[in-house]
Structures are given as C-alpha cells and as structure tokens.
Amino acid sequence: GNLLDAQEVRKEFGGLLAVNDLDFTIPERAIVSLIG
C-alpha cells in the first residue's frame, strides 16, 4: 500500500553523515511531511 519505500538510505559527503540509515514510506494518496 506504499507508493514509496526507502530502506536504510544512507548518504555521506566525505566524512559527513547527512542521512543515517533512514527507513521511510509514503502510503498511496497520503500527504506526508518531513520536518526538522
């Protein structure tokens, strides 16, 4: 039922860890916000 399913996504720039093993889903037709 999820349109998007991100599994343990990690992004490093050199020694900088910008996204740390992120699990994230978006159900179909949902409105979801990402804040911080």
PDB file of all heavy atoms in Angstrom:
ATOM      1  N   GLY A   1       0.806  -1.217   0.000  1.00  0.00           N
ATOM      2  CA  GLY A   1       0.000   0.000   0.000  1.00  0.00           C
ATOM      3  C   GLY A   1       0.831   1.254   0.000  1.00  0.00           C
ATOM      4  O   GLY A   1       0.305   2.358   0.095  1.00  0.00           O
ATOM      5  N   ASN A   2       2.165   1.110  -0.093  1.00  0.00           N
ATOM      6  CA  ASN A   2       3.055   2.261  -0.110  1.00  0.00           C
ATOM      7  C   ASN A   2       3.492   2.575  -1.537  1.00  0.00           C
ATOM      8  O   ASN A   2       3.891   1.679  -2.281  1.00  0.00           O
ATOM      9  CB  ASN A   2       4.300   2.000   0.747  1.00  0.00           C
ATOM     10  CG  ASN A   2       3.957   1.905   2.226  1.00  0.00           C
ATOM     11  OD1 ASN A   2       3.095   2.636   2.714  1.00  0.00           O
ATOM     12  ND2 ASN A   2       4.610   1.008   2.938  1.00  0.00           N
ATOM     13  N   LEU A   3       3.410   3.855  -1.887  1.00  0.00           N
ATOM     14  CA  LEU A   3       3.898   4.272  -3.200  1.00  0.00           C
ATOM     15  C   LEU A   3       5.421   4.342  -3.190  1.00  0.00           C
ATOM     16  O   LEU A   3       6.085   3.986  -4.164  1.00  0.00           O
ATOM     17  CB  LEU A   3       3.307   5.638  -3.559  1.00  0.00           C
ATOM     18  CG  LEU A   3       3.656   6.178  -4.942  1.00  0.00           C
ATOM     19  CD1 LEU A   3       3.149   5.251  -6.040  1.00  0.00           C
ATOM     20  CD2 LEU A   3       3.077   7.576  -5.125  1.00  0.00           C
ATOM     21  N   LEU A   4       5.975   4.799  -2.069  1.00  0.00           N
ATOM     22  CA  LEU A   4       7.434   4.886  -1.939  1.00  0.00           C
ATOM     23  C   LEU A   4       7.879   4.160  -0.687  1.00  0.00           C
ATOM     24  O   LEU A   4       7.238   4.246   0.358  1.00  0.00           O
ATOM     25  CB  LEU A   4       7.884   6.349  -1.876  1.00  0.00           C
ATOM     26  CG  LEU A   4       9.407   6.513  -1.818  1.00  0.00           C
ATOM     27  CD1 LEU A   4       9.897   7.460  -2.900  1.00  0.00           C
ATOM     28  CD2 LEU A   4       9.860   7.016  -0.455  1.00  0.00           C
ATOM     29  N   ASP A   5       8.981   3.429  -0.815  1.00  0.00           N
ATOM     30  CA  ASP A   5       9.534   2.672   0.309  1.00  0.00           C
ATOM     31  C   ASP A   5      11.050   2.808   0.277  1.00  0.00           C
ATOM     32  O   ASP A   5      11.723   2.205  -0.555  1.00  0.00           O
ATOM     33  CB  ASP A   5       9.112   1.199   0.182  1.00  0.00           C
ATOM     34  CG  ASP A   5       9.519   0.365   1.390  1.00  0.00           C
ATOM     35  OD1 ASP A   5      10.089   0.938   2.340  1.00  0.00           O
ATOM     36  OD2 ASP A   5       9.279  -0.853   1.375  1.00  0.00           O
ATOM     37  N   ALA A   6      11.581   3.659   1.143  1.00  0.00           N
ATOM     38  CA  ALA A   6      13.030   3.855   1.245  1.00  0.00           C
ATOM     39  C   ALA A   6      13.551   3.013   2.405  1.00  0.00           C
ATOM     40  O   ALA A   6      13.037   3.102   3.527  1.00  0.00           O
ATOM     41  CB  ALA A   6      13.353   5.328   1.472  1.00  0.00           C
ATOM     42  N   GLN A   7      14.539   2.187   2.122  1.00  0.00           N
ATOM     43  CA  GLN A   7      15.023   1.226   3.102  1.00  0.00           C
ATOM     44  C   GLN A   7      16.492   1.495   3.435  1.00  0.00           C
ATOM     45  O   GLN A   7      17.367   1.409   2.563  1.00  0.00           O
ATOM     46  CB  GLN A   7      14.874  -0.198   2.544  1.00  0.00           C
ATOM     47  CG  GLN A   7      13.445  -0.550   2.165  1.00  0.00           C
ATOM     48  CD  GLN A   7      13.347  -1.835   1.363  1.00  0.00           C
ATOM     49  OE1 GLN A   7      14.347  -2.459   1.012  1.00  0.00           O
ATOM     50  NE2 GLN A   7      12.115  -2.249   1.042  1.00  0.00           N
ATOM     51  N   GLU A   8      16.739   1.876   4.706  1.00  0.00           N
ATOM     52  CA  GLU A   8      18.093   2.086   5.224  1.00  0.00           C
ATOM     53  C   GLU A   8      18.929   2.982   4.305  1.00  0.00           C
ATOM     54  O   GLU A   8      20.081   2.685   3.986  1.00  0.00           O
ATOM     55  CB  GLU A   8      18.799   0.741   5.448  1.00  0.00           C
ATOM     56  CG  GLU A   8      18.103  -0.117   6.495  1.00  0.00           C
ATOM     57  CD  GLU A   8      18.869  -1.391   6.828  1.00  0.00           C
ATOM     58  OE1 GLU A   8      19.785  -1.750   6.067  1.00  0.00           O
ATOM     59  OE2 GLU A   8      18.541  -2.011   7.849  1.00  0.00           O
ATOM     60  N   VAL A   9      18.324   4.091   3.884  1.00  0.00           N
ATOM     61  CA  VAL A   9      19.027   5.009   2.981  1.00  0.00           C
ATOM     62  C   VAL A   9      20.071   5.803   3.767  1.00  0.00           C
ATOM     63  O   VAL A   9      19.769   6.415   4.806  1.00  0.00           O
ATOM     64  CB  VAL A   9      18.042   5.962   2.277  1.00  0.00           C
ATOM     65  CG1 VAL A   9      18.784   7.075   1.531  1.00  0.00           C
ATOM     66  CG2 VAL A   9      17.162   5.180   1.320  1.00  0.00           C
ATOM     67  N   ARG A  10      21.280   5.789   3.239  1.00  0.00           N
ATOM     68  CA  ARG A  10      22.407   6.461   3.879  1.00  0.00           C
ATOM     69  C   ARG A  10      23.084   7.351   2.850  1.00  0.00           C
ATOM     70  O   ARG A  10      23.271   6.957   1.698  1.00  0.00           O
ATOM     71  CB  ARG A  10      23.396   5.400   4.387  1.00  0.00           C
ATOM     72  CG  ARG A  10      24.561   5.932   5.217  1.00  0.00           C
ATOM     73  CD  ARG A  10      25.441   4.751   5.651  1.00  0.00           C
ATOM     74  NE  ARG A  10      26.451   5.140   6.613  1.00  0.00           N
ATOM     75  CZ  ARG A  10      26.276   5.167   7.920  1.00  0.00           C
ATOM     76  NH1 ARG A  10      25.100   4.805   8.440  1.00  0.00           N
ATOM     77  NH2 ARG A  10      27.240   5.534   8.735  1.00  0.00           N
ATOM     78  N   LYS A  11      23.438   8.570   3.250  1.00  0.00           N
ATOM     79  CA  LYS A  11      24.171   9.464   2.368  1.00  0.00           C
ATOM     80  C   LYS A  11      25.285  10.151   3.137  1.00  0.00           C
ATOM     81  O   LYS A  11      25.036  10.825   4.140  1.00  0.00           O
ATOM     82  CB  LYS A  11      23.228  10.518   1.761  1.00  0.00           C
ATOM     83  CG  LYS A  11      23.928  11.494   0.823  1.00  0.00           C
ATOM     84  CD  LYS A  11      24.594  10.802  -0.347  1.00  0.00           C
ATOM     85  CE  LYS A  11      25.399  11.763  -1.202  1.00  0.00           C
ATOM     86  NZ  LYS A  11      26.177  11.048  -2.256  1.00  0.00           N
ATOM     87  N   GLU A  12      26.510   9.927   2.679  1.00  0.00           N
ATOM     88  CA  GLU A  12      27.689  10.553   3.275  1.00  0.00           C
ATOM     89  C   GLU A  12      28.346  11.471   2.254  1.00  0.00           C
ATOM     90  O   GLU A  12      28.396  11.162   1.060  1.00  0.00           O
ATOM     91  CB  GLU A  12      28.696   9.480   3.711  1.00  0.00           C
ATOM     92  CG  GLU A  12      28.163   8.525   4.775  1.00  0.00           C
ATOM     93  CD  GLU A  12      29.125   7.357   5.045  1.00  0.00           C
ATOM     94  OE1 GLU A  12      30.245   7.374   4.497  1.00  0.00           O
ATOM     95  OE2 GLU A  12      28.727   6.430   5.781  1.00  0.00           O
ATOM     96  N   PHE A  13      28.823  12.607   2.719  1.00  0.00           N
ATOM     97  CA  PHE A  13      29.640  13.502   1.901  1.00  0.00           C
ATOM     98  C   PHE A  13      31.031  13.542   2.543  1.00  0.00           C
ATOM     99  O   PHE A  13      31.227  14.217   3.537  1.00  0.00           O
ATOM    100  CB  PHE A  13      29.056  14.917   1.864  1.00  0.00           C
ATOM    101  CG  PHE A  13      27.701  15.009   1.239  1.00  0.00           C
ATOM    102  CD1 PHE A  13      26.558  15.031   2.020  1.00  0.00           C
ATOM    103  CD2 PHE A  13      27.565  15.081  -0.143  1.00  0.00           C
ATOM    104  CE1 PHE A  13      25.292  15.135   1.442  1.00  0.00           C
ATOM    105  CE2 PHE A  13      26.305  15.178  -0.733  1.00  0.00           C
ATOM    106  CZ  PHE A  13      25.176  15.208   0.064  1.00  0.00           C
ATOM    107  N   GLY A  14      31.962  12.798   1.956  1.00  0.00           N
ATOM    108  CA  GLY A  14      33.272  12.693   2.607  1.00  0.00           C
ATOM    109  C   GLY A  14      33.086  12.080   3.987  1.00  0.00           C
ATOM    110  O   GLY A  14      32.524  11.003   4.125  1.00  0.00           O
ATOM    111  N   GLY A  15      33.467  12.795   5.024  1.00  0.00           N
ATOM    112  CA  GLY A  15      33.309  12.273   6.386  1.00  0.00           C
ATOM    113  C   GLY A  15      31.996  12.682   7.032  1.00  0.00           C
ATOM    114  O   GLY A  15      31.723  12.301   8.183  1.00  0.00           O
ATOM    115  N   LEU A  16      31.180  13.457   6.319  1.00  0.00           N
ATOM    116  CA  LEU A  16      29.936  13.956   6.910  1.00  0.00           C
ATOM    117  C   LEU A  16      28.794  13.007   6.613  1.00  0.00           C
ATOM    118  O   LEU A  16      28.524  12.685   5.457  1.00  0.00           O
ATOM    119  CB  LEU A  16      29.606  15.347   6.347  1.00  0.00           C
ATOM    120  CG  LEU A  16      28.259  15.943   6.768  1.00  0.00           C
ATOM    121  CD1 LEU A  16      28.289  16.319   8.240  1.00  0.00           C
ATOM    122  CD2 LEU A  16      27.921  17.158   5.912  1.00  0.00           C
ATOM    123  N   LEU A  17      28.111  12.579   7.665  1.00  0.00           N
ATOM    124  CA  LEU A  17      26.944  11.714   7.514  1.00  0.00           C
ATOM    125  C   LEU A  17      25.692  12.596   7.495  1.00  0.00           C
ATOM    126  O   LEU A  17      25.306  13.156   8.513  1.00  0.00           O
ATOM    127  CB  LEU A  17      26.882  10.709   8.674  1.00  0.00           C
ATOM    128  CG  LEU A  17      25.701   9.735   8.683  1.00  0.00           C
ATOM    129  CD1 LEU A  17      25.649   8.905   7.406  1.00  0.00           C
ATOM    130  CD2 LEU A  17      25.774   8.828   9.914  1.00  0.00           C
ATOM    131  N   ALA A  18      25.062  12.726   6.317  1.00  0.00           N
ATOM    132  CA  ALA A  18      23.911  13.622   6.166  1.00  0.00           C
ATOM    133  C   ALA A  18      22.584  12.903   6.390  1.00  0.00           C
ATOM    134  O   ALA A  18      21.641  13.486   6.921  1.00  0.00           O
ATOM    135  CB  ALA A  18      23.930  14.258   4.780  1.00  0.00           C
ATOM    136  N   VAL A  19      22.495  11.641   5.952  1.00  0.00           N
ATOM    137  CA  VAL A  19      21.290  10.816   6.157  1.00  0.00           C
ATOM    138  C   VAL A  19      21.756   9.469   6.675  1.00  0.00           C
ATOM    139  O   VAL A  19      22.588   8.809   6.049  1.00  0.00           O
ATOM    140  CB  VAL A  19      20.477  10.642   4.847  1.00  0.00           C
ATOM    141  CG1 VAL A  19      19.272   9.746   5.084  1.00  0.00           C
ATOM    142  CG2 VAL A  19      20.031  11.992   4.291  1.00  0.00           C
ATOM    143  N   ASN A  20      21.205   9.068   7.828  1.00  0.00           N
ATOM    144  CA  ASN A  20      21.751   7.916   8.539  1.00  0.00           C
ATOM    145  C   ASN A  20      20.776   6.734   8.544  1.00  0.00           C
ATOM    146  O   ASN A  20      19.886   6.648   9.383  1.00  0.00           O
ATOM    147  CB  ASN A  20      22.091   8.337   9.984  1.00  0.00           C
ATOM    148  CG  ASN A  20      22.812   7.232  10.746  1.00  0.00           C
ATOM    149  OD1 ASN A  20      23.183   6.205  10.179  1.00  0.00           O
ATOM    150  ND2 ASN A  20      23.005   7.447  12.033  1.00  0.00           N
ATOM    151  N   ASP A  21      20.941   5.833   7.563  1.00  0.00           N
ATOM    152  CA  ASP A  21      20.190   4.565   7.513  1.00  0.00           C
ATOM    153  C   ASP A  21      18.691   4.787   7.748  1.00  0.00           C
ATOM    154  O   ASP A  21      18.071   4.174   8.621  1.00  0.00           O
ATOM    155  CB  ASP A  21      20.748   3.576   8.540  1.00  0.00           C
ATOM    156  CG  ASP A  21      22.190   3.192   8.233  1.00  0.00           C
ATOM    157  OD1 ASP A  21      22.616   3.421   7.082  1.00  0.00           O
ATOM    158  OD2 ASP A  21      22.875   2.689   9.123  1.00  0.00           O
ATOM    159  N   LEU A  22      18.107   5.644   6.931  1.00  0.00           N
ATOM    160  CA  LEU A  22      16.731   6.076   7.122  1.00  0.00           C
ATOM    161  C   LEU A  22      15.743   5.122   6.447  1.00  0.00           C
ATOM    162  O   LEU A  22      15.860   4.819   5.261  1.00  0.00           O
ATOM    163  CB  LEU A  22      16.555   7.491   6.540  1.00  0.00           C
ATOM    164  CG  LEU A  22      15.184   8.137   6.684  1.00  0.00           C
ATOM    165  CD1 LEU A  22      14.814   8.327   8.150  1.00  0.00           C
ATOM    166  CD2 LEU A  22      15.156   9.492   5.966  1.00  0.00           C
ATOM    167  N   ASP A  23      14.769   4.654   7.216  1.00  0.00           N
ATOM    168  CA  ASP A  23      13.622   3.919   6.676  1.00  0.00           C
ATOM    169  C   ASP A  23      12.458   4.900   6.581  1.00  0.00           C
ATOM    170  O   ASP A  23      12.146   5.597   7.552  1.00  0.00           O
ATOM    171  CB  ASP A  23      13.220   2.758   7.601  1.00  0.00           C
ATOM    172  CG  ASP A  23      14.237   1.629   7.593  1.00  0.00           C
ATOM    173  OD1 ASP A  23      14.784   1.325   6.517  1.00  0.00           O
ATOM    174  OD2 ASP A  23      14.490   1.055   8.669  1.00  0.00           O
ATOM    175  N   PHE A  24      11.804   4.925   5.415  1.00  0.00           N
ATOM    176  CA  PHE A  24      10.768   5.929   5.201  1.00  0.00           C
ATOM    177  C   PHE A  24       9.793   5.422   4.146  1.00  0.00           C
ATOM    178  O   PHE A  24      10.210   4.969   3.079  1.00  0.00           O
ATOM    179  CB  PHE A  24      11.415   7.235   4.726  1.00  0.00           C
ATOM    180  CG  PHE A  24      10.463   8.380   4.539  1.00  0.00           C
ATOM    181  CD1 PHE A  24      10.060   9.139   5.617  1.00  0.00           C
ATOM    182  CD2 PHE A  24       9.985   8.703   3.283  1.00  0.00           C
ATOM    183  CE1 PHE A  24       9.189  10.207   5.454  1.00  0.00           C
ATOM    184  CE2 PHE A  24       9.113   9.757   3.101  1.00  0.00           C
ATOM    185  CZ  PHE A  24       8.710  10.519   4.196  1.00  0.00           C
ATOM    186  N   THR A  25       8.502   5.475   4.463  1.00  0.00           N
ATOM    187  CA  THR A  25       7.492   5.047   3.485  1.00  0.00           C
ATOM    188  C   THR A  25       6.465   6.159   3.283  1.00  0.00           C
ATOM    189  O   THR A  25       6.254   7.002   4.167  1.00  0.00           O
ATOM    190  CB  THR A  25       6.746   3.781   3.950  1.00  0.00           C
ATOM    191  OG1 THR A  25       6.072   4.067   5.187  1.00  0.00           O
ATOM    192  CG2 THR A  25       7.694   2.608   4.130  1.00  0.00           C
ATOM    193  N   ILE A  26       5.841   6.150   2.109  1.00  0.00           N
ATOM    194  CA  ILE A  26       4.730   7.061   1.837  1.00  0.00           C
ATOM    195  C   ILE A  26       3.571   6.235   1.303  1.00  0.00           C
ATOM    196  O   ILE A  26       3.668   5.650   0.224  1.00  0.00           O
ATOM    197  CB  ILE A  26       5.105   8.133   0.791  1.00  0.00           C
ATOM    198  CG1 ILE A  26       6.391   8.860   1.185  1.00  0.00           C
ATOM    199  CG2 ILE A  26       3.957   9.129   0.638  1.00  0.00           C
ATOM    200  CD1 ILE A  26       6.852   9.866   0.154  1.00  0.00           C
ATOM    201  N   PRO A  27       2.460   6.168   2.054  1.00  0.00           N
ATOM    202  CA  PRO A  27       1.287   5.448   1.553  1.00  0.00           C
ATOM    203  C   PRO A  27       0.707   6.153   0.329  1.00  0.00           C
ATOM    204  O   PRO A  27       0.821   7.371   0.189  1.00  0.00           O
ATOM    205  CB  PRO A  27       0.303   5.508   2.731  1.00  0.00           C
ATOM    206  CG  PRO A  27       1.130   5.861   3.924  1.00  0.00           C
ATOM    207  CD  PRO A  27       2.255   6.695   3.410  1.00  0.00           C
ATOM    208  N   GLU A  28       0.076   5.386  -0.537  1.00  0.00           N
ATOM    209  CA  GLU A  28      -0.566   5.970  -1.715  1.00  0.00           C
ATOM    210  C   GLU A  28      -1.618   6.989  -1.302  1.00  0.00           C
ATOM    211  O   GLU A  28      -2.374   6.788  -0.364  1.00  0.00           O
ATOM    212  CB  GLU A  28      -1.217   4.868  -2.560  1.00  0.00           C
ATOM    213  CG  GLU A  28      -0.185   4.040  -3.308  1.00  0.00           C
ATOM    214  CD  GLU A  28      -0.774   3.388  -4.543  1.00  0.00           C
ATOM    215  OE1 GLU A  28      -1.469   4.075  -5.312  1.00  0.00           O
ATOM    216  OE2 GLU A  28      -0.521   2.193  -4.725  1.00  0.00           O
ATOM    217  N   ARG A  29      -1.632   8.109  -2.020  1.00  0.00           N
ATOM    218  CA  ARG A  29      -2.598   9.202  -1.852  1.00  0.00           C
ATOM    219  C   ARG A  29      -2.512   9.890  -0.494  1.00  0.00           C
ATOM    220  O   ARG A  29      -3.446  10.599  -0.094  1.00  0.00           O
ATOM    221  CB  ARG A  29      -4.033   8.727  -2.104  1.00  0.00           C
ATOM    222  CG  ARG A  29      -4.245   8.277  -3.540  1.00  0.00           C
ATOM    223  CD  ARG A  29      -5.709   8.329  -3.912  1.00  0.00           C
ATOM    224  NE  ARG A  29      -5.900   8.049  -5.325  1.00  0.00           N
ATOM    225  CZ  ARG A  29      -6.995   8.340  -6.013  1.00  0.00           C
ATOM    226  NH1 ARG A  29      -8.000   8.926  -5.408  1.00  0.00           N
ATOM    227  NH2 ARG A  29      -7.103   8.049  -7.285  1.00  0.00           N
ATOM    228  N   ALA A  30      -1.428   9.699   0.232  1.00  0.00           N
ATOM    229  CA  ALA A  30      -1.251  10.376   1.522  1.00  0.00           C
ATOM    230  C   ALA A  30      -0.601  11.749   1.307  1.00  0.00           C
ATOM    231  O   ALA A  30       0.020  12.010   0.276  1.00  0.00           O
ATOM    232  CB  ALA A  30      -0.376   9.537   2.445  1.00  0.00           C
ATOM    233  N   ILE A  31      -0.767  12.628   2.291  1.00  0.00           N
ATOM    234  CA  ILE A  31       0.022  13.860   2.372  1.00  0.00           C
ATOM    235  C   ILE A  31       0.911  13.716   3.598  1.00  0.00           C
ATOM    236  O   ILE A  31       0.427  13.649   4.730  1.00  0.00           O
ATOM    237  CB  ILE A  31      -0.858  15.112   2.496  1.00  0.00           C
ATOM    238  CG1 ILE A  31      -1.790  15.248   1.284  1.00  0.00           C
ATOM    239  CG2 ILE A  31       0.012  16.365   2.617  1.00  0.00           C
ATOM    240  CD1 ILE A  31      -2.755  16.427   1.369  1.00  0.00           C
ATOM    241  N   VAL A  32       2.202  13.633   3.350  1.00  0.00           N
ATOM    242  CA  VAL A  32       3.184  13.355   4.399  1.00  0.00           C
ATOM    243  C   VAL A  32       4.181  14.509   4.443  1.00  0.00           C
ATOM    244  O   VAL A  32       4.573  15.039   3.400  1.00  0.00           O
ATOM    245  CB  VAL A  32       3.922  12.024   4.092  1.00  0.00           C
ATOM    246  CG1 VAL A  32       5.078  11.803   5.044  1.00  0.00           C
ATOM    247  CG2 VAL A  32       2.946  10.854   4.155  1.00  0.00           C
ATOM    248  N   SER A  33       4.565  14.925   5.657  1.00  0.00           N
ATOM    249  CA  SER A  33       5.553  15.992   5.793  1.00  0.00           C
ATOM    250  C   SER A  33       6.830  15.478   6.439  1.00  0.00           C
ATOM    251  O   SER A  33       6.793  14.595   7.307  1.00  0.00           O
ATOM    252  CB  SER A  33       5.004  17.144   6.640  1.00  0.00           C
ATOM    253  OG  SER A  33       4.064  17.894   5.916  1.00  0.00           O
ATOM    254  N   LEU A  34       7.936  16.052   5.986  1.00  0.00           N
ATOM    255  CA  LEU A  34       9.258  15.763   6.531  1.00  0.00           C
ATOM    256  C   LEU A  34       9.761  17.060   7.139  1.00  0.00           C
ATOM    257  O   LEU A  34       9.897  18.075   6.440  1.00  0.00           O
ATOM    258  CB  LEU A  34      10.176  15.313   5.387  1.00  0.00           C
ATOM    259  CG  LEU A  34      11.522  14.695   5.704  1.00  0.00           C
ATOM    260  CD1 LEU A  34      11.360  13.409   6.505  1.00  0.00           C
ATOM    261  CD2 LEU A  34      12.277  14.394   4.404  1.00  0.00           C
ATOM    262  N   ILE A  35       9.968  17.067   8.450  1.00  0.00           N
ATOM    263  CA  ILE A  35      10.372  18.300   9.125  1.00  0.00           C
ATOM    264  C   ILE A  35      11.641  18.042   9.945  1.00  0.00           C
ATOM    265  O   ILE A  35      12.075  16.908  10.124  1.00  0.00           O
ATOM    266  CB  ILE A  35       9.248  18.865  10.027  1.00  0.00           C
ATOM    267  CG1 ILE A  35       8.998  17.944  11.240  1.00  0.00           C
ATOM    268  CG2 ILE A  35       7.962  19.071   9.237  1.00  0.00           C
ATOM    269  CD1 ILE A  35       8.070  18.559  12.301  1.00  0.00           C
ATOM    270  N   GLY A  36      12.204  19.123  10.451  1.00  0.00           N
ATOM    271  CA  GLY A  36      13.411  19.032  11.268  1.00  0.00           C
ATOM    272  C   GLY A  36      14.157  20.348  11.203  1.00  0.00           C
ATOM    273  O   GLY A  36      13.928  21.158  10.295  1.00  0.00           O
TER     274      GLY A  36
END
